[in-house]
Amino acid sequence: MNTISIQVPSIMENIRMIESFIDNAKERFHLDDDIYGNIMIAVTEAVNNAIKHGNSSDKSKNVHLSLSLDNSMIKFVIKDEGNGFNYDNLPDPTAPENLEKPGGRGIFLMKHLSDEVDFKEKGRVVELSFYVNS
């Protein structure tokens, strides 16, 4: 199994480093453009949430990102140093009362772009898995 990881301080500008990390993974593991687009959106959204909500943009706290690849799946694990959140009780961003709200779509996007989404450690860890053609 191939595993690579990166750790970044909770600063929004560090999303660029995450994008480069994903670009490198695309090259290294020869990912299709379709899956690459889904990974880019879902993983940057998860890291964005970890920075903003998990670590409250506290630059002394880090976001940890790792990816592992086995025969048929690439899995990204995003971990923050915050208090977690209740991921079972989130408002539906597609509900009429939420359509005009500027936020609240990140987890919705992650769930629709990833093949599997798993929250652990009270929401401090999110695992995003994507099936790959090997």
Protein backbone atom coordinates (compact mmCIF):
# COMPACT_ATOMS: atom_id res chain seq x y z
CA MET A 1 0.00 0.00 0.00
CA ASN A 2 1.26 3.46 -0.93
CA THR A 3 0.79 6.16 1.72
CA ILE A 4 1.81 9.82 1.67
CA SER A 5 0.92 12.60 4.08
CA ILE A 6 1.21 16.32 4.71
CA GLN A 7 0.54 18.57 7.68
CA VAL A 8 -0.32 22.26 7.35
CA PRO A 9 -1.07 25.08 9.80
CA SER A 10 -4.71 26.22 9.83
CA ILE A 11 -4.37 29.13 7.41
CA MET A 12 -6.71 29.37 4.40
CA GLU A 13 -3.81 30.11 2.04
CA ASN A 14 -2.52 26.58 2.73
CA ILE A 15 -5.33 25.20 0.56
CA ARG A 16 -2.86 25.80 -2.30
CA MET A 17 -0.50 23.26 -0.73
CA ILE A 18 -3.35 20.76 -0.50
CA GLU A 19 -4.14 21.30 -4.19
CA SER A 20 -0.47 20.64 -5.05
CA PHE A 21 -0.55 17.50 -2.86
CA ILE A 22 -3.56 16.25 -4.85
CA ASP A 23 -1.92 17.21 -8.17
CA ASN A 24 1.15 15.18 -7.17
CA ALA A 25 -1.07 12.22 -6.25
CA LYS A 26 -2.78 12.45 -9.67
CA GLU A 27 0.60 12.21 -11.41
CA ARG A 28 2.06 9.58 -9.11
CA PHE A 29 -0.94 7.26 -9.18
CA HIS A 30 -2.17 8.04 -12.73
CA LEU A 31 -5.66 9.09 -11.63
CA ASP A 32 -8.37 9.64 -14.24
CA ASP A 33 -9.51 13.23 -14.78
CA ASP A 34 -13.04 12.38 -13.59
CA ILE A 35 -11.94 11.02 -10.23
CA TYR A 36 -9.29 13.75 -9.93
CA GLY A 37 -11.97 16.47 -10.13
CA ASN A 38 -14.09 14.78 -7.48
CA ILE A 39 -11.06 14.30 -5.22
CA MET A 40 -9.93 17.91 -5.64
CA ILE A 41 -13.32 19.34 -4.65
CA ALA A 42 -14.11 16.89 -1.84
CA VAL A 43 -10.67 16.91 -0.20
CA THR A 44 -10.14 20.69 -0.40
CA GLU A 45 -13.65 21.12 1.05
CA ALA A 46 -12.78 18.77 3.93
CA VAL A 47 -9.50 20.60 4.61
CA ASN A 48 -11.29 23.95 4.36
CA ASN A 49 -13.80 22.75 6.99
CA ALA A 50 -10.97 21.44 9.20
CA ILE A 51 -9.19 24.81 9.06
CA LYS A 52 -12.27 27.00 9.46
CA HIS A 53 -14.60 25.00 11.70
CA GLY A 54 -12.42 22.31 13.28
CA ASN A 55 -9.42 24.43 14.21
CA SER A 56 -11.26 27.79 14.18
CA SER A 57 -8.55 29.19 11.85
CA ASP A 58 -6.06 28.93 14.74
CA LYS A 59 -2.71 28.84 12.95
CA SER A 60 -1.09 27.12 15.95
CA LYS A 61 -3.29 24.09 15.16
CA ASN A 62 -2.56 21.84 12.21
CA VAL A 63 -4.60 19.93 9.69
CA HIS A 64 -3.23 16.50 8.83
CA LEU A 65 -3.91 14.98 5.43
CA SER A 66 -2.85 11.55 4.31
CA LEU A 67 -3.72 9.37 1.40
CA SER A 68 -3.36 5.67 0.94
CA LEU A 69 -3.85 3.67 -2.20
CA ASP A 70 -4.58 -0.02 -2.49
CA ASN A 71 -5.65 -2.00 -5.55
CA SER A 72 -9.05 -0.47 -6.10
CA MET A 73 -9.40 2.48 -3.73
CA ILE A 74 -7.68 5.73 -2.83
CA LYS A 75 -8.50 6.99 0.66
CA PHE A 76 -7.86 10.49 2.03
CA VAL A 77 -7.86 11.04 5.79
CA ILE A 78 -8.28 14.62 6.99
CA LYS A 79 -7.77 15.29 10.69
CA ASP A 80 -8.05 18.52 12.67
CA GLU A 81 -7.16 19.40 16.26
CA GLY A 82 -10.56 20.83 17.19
CA ASN A 83 -13.41 19.60 19.38
CA GLY A 84 -15.34 17.77 16.67
CA PHE A 85 -18.98 18.25 15.71
CA ASN A 86 -22.26 16.38 15.43
CA TYR A 87 -22.15 15.11 11.86
CA ASP A 88 -25.41 13.18 12.23
CA ASN A 89 -27.50 16.32 12.70
CA LEU A 90 -26.64 18.69 9.86
CA PRO A 91 -29.15 20.89 8.02
CA ASP A 92 -30.01 19.77 4.48
CA PRO A 93 -28.48 22.37 2.11
CA THR A 94 -31.07 21.44 -0.54
CA ALA A 95 -34.02 22.28 1.73
CA PRO A 96 -35.87 25.42 0.53
CA GLU A 97 -35.03 27.37 3.71
CA ASN A 98 -31.30 26.72 3.20
CA LEU A 99 -30.93 27.38 -0.54
CA GLU A 100 -29.99 31.04 -0.10
CA LYS A 101 -27.49 30.43 2.72
CA PRO A 102 -23.85 30.95 1.71
CA GLY A 103 -22.46 27.92 3.58
CA GLY A 104 -23.48 24.45 4.61
CA ARG A 105 -22.75 22.58 1.39
CA GLY A 106 -19.31 21.17 2.14
CA ILE A 107 -20.30 17.88 3.69
CA PHE A 108 -23.13 17.52 1.15
CA LEU A 109 -20.52 17.85 -1.63
CA MET A 110 -18.14 15.40 0.07
CA LYS A 111 -20.89 12.80 0.36
CA HIS A 112 -21.90 13.18 -3.29
CA LEU A 113 -18.41 13.28 -4.81
CA SER A 114 -16.81 10.50 -2.73
CA ASP A 115 -17.67 6.83 -2.96
CA GLU A 116 -17.46 6.51 0.83
CA VAL A 117 -17.40 9.13 3.62
CA ASP A 118 -16.69 8.15 7.20
CA PHE A 119 -16.47 10.46 10.22
CA LYS A 120 -14.42 9.36 13.24
CA GLU A 121 -13.22 10.75 16.56
CA LYS A 122 -16.37 12.87 17.07
CA GLY A 123 -15.97 14.45 13.64
CA ARG A 124 -12.31 15.46 14.00
CA VAL A 125 -11.39 12.89 11.35
CA VAL A 126 -13.06 12.45 7.97
CA GLU A 127 -12.14 9.66 5.58
CA LEU A 128 -12.98 10.16 1.91
CA SER A 129 -12.64 7.09 -0.30
CA PHE A 130 -12.74 6.89 -4.09
CA TYR A 131 -12.77 3.77 -6.24
CA VAL A 132 -10.04 3.79 -8.87
CA ASN A 133 -9.58 1.74 -12.00
CA SER A 134 -6.37 -0.19 -11.63
